Amino acid sequence: MKKYEATKCGYAHYLTENFKNITPFLKQSNKLPISENNRRLHTYITGGTGSGKSEAIKSLIWHYLTRDKRTGLILLSPNGEICEQVAKFWLNLENNRLVYIEPNLDGYFPCLNPFDVPNKENLTDIEAEKYAEAFRSIFEELLKGEFTAQMNTLLMAVLPVLFKYPNASIYDLIDFLEPQNDDKSINEQVFKYVQFAKENLNNKGILDFLNTQFLYDNSYNRTKSSIHTRLRYLFNSSIMQAIFVGKSTLDIEQAIEQKKLIIFNFPKGKMPIEYRILGLFVVGTIKIISFRRDGKKFFTPCHLFIDEFQNFITPSLQEILEESRKYKLYLTLAQQQAGARMGKELFESILGNTAIKLTGVNGVDTLKKLADETGDSVQNLQENLSIGRFALWQKAKIGDVQKPPMIITMPQNTLDNSQSMSNEQWESLKTAQIEAYYRKMGETTTEAPKTPQNPQKTQNLSVLDEFNDYYG
């Protein structure tokens, strides 16, 4: 009995988990004692394979689709299964909230050009430099292990130019960084960008650098060659060219304001190199959107769910953790092994900046890290965690005594495909999504993204949300 909280909710947990036959006679379903105030201070979920980690994410998203509908929702995952299951929620047939992004969906591609920024023609130097810094961190991650001070200097000089340059893409960056020819002559297309900078930038430091060292310094020429070669390799695939060239088919900022459910399905198995790069650019774009809210009074809150988030780590992620709450961007970070593939500073930032920690079945190393952080014991976790059962720790309010974690059973209302639309409905909905947010490979887009018309809903299922009053 000690593992159950001494409340009505805890007693309900005890009854439903130990006396299965009594559940139908209870007046209300099993609830989760999760505070939305704490959800807005970020959430960290860990759970090994088969722990129910993905189902926990689905339950949280379902809550925001059925009860607390005030927020935009974004799911980013390298796991195609969870993305498809959330996209197929039958609610998406009628709520007009779904934006489903998956490269090569029935032969169609979205365009997510990071250089296609709002109000480009009136962008100030300062604004262009802010964009440049956000995306510079992505290139730092992509060039990890070989990123140098000279690379940083080069990128911070050329990126602001391209954020102002009309119809720019990642391939303009590659052209801009074309090294000198063997005869020391400068490629004409490089001069084209330098000339544009002279006419459209006022930053004297950038202009002086572009007219001197950038063009004529041999050491910078070698650095350009290194970056140029690496970027050619990373962005040379047909998938990358289909996604990164042209006018974006999705306005992420507008979709958030419209409280859309945006799903970025970047399956690792289908695109082992591209999935990570795409995810990094999505995170960088969302960071810019949230930080651009500074000074605004009214904007829509957004819950960002990142599954296996260690695949998409840049300095931007740590900045979002530490700064974005005031801009109403709230993270739910999920991974199998605690602290996997990240530095000590970032892991400590995650532990220190998440007010909810859900710990699922896992190995001893992960359980020990979370037990030490939450005041639990490895033995208690090993004895009480099972598939779908998590240890829930919530940060106490200022002045309150910090409570130890409690064992909870996640709702099963979205288990597997229990809330799924039919295959025929999904095919029809995909067609609407493709018409609104996709194009054929090689096509260029000049129009603003359309709003999809959802197919007619033909099933009538009651909305079940087991969070109820305990999560509001």
Foldseek 3Di string as FASTA:
>chain_A
DVQFDPDPLSVLQVCCVPPVVCQVVDPAHRADLDEVVLLLLFEEEAAAPLFCRLVLVLQVVLCCLPPVVQFAEEEAELDQQSLVLSCQQLSCLPPLFEQEADFCDVQWHFADALLQDPPLQPDALVNLLVSLVLCLLLVCVLCPPNDDPLNSVVSSLQSSLSSNDPQHWVVLVLVLLQAADPVLDDDPSVVVSLVSCVVPHDPPVSNVCSVPCSRHPPVSSVVSVVSSVSVCVLQVDLRNLQHHGFRGLDDVQVSRQVSHYYYHHNHCVVPVRVSLSVLLSVLSVVLSSLVVCVPPDDGGAYEYEYEQCLSRDTVSVLCCLVPRSVSRYYYHYYDHAQPPNDDPVSSVSNLVRRQKYWYADHDQVRLVVVCVSQVHDSVVRVVQHDRQKTFIAGHDDVPDDGDGTHIDGRDCCSPNNNSGDDPVQVVQQVVQSCVFGIDRRPDHDDDHGDRGDRDDNDDDDDRDRNNPPSYD
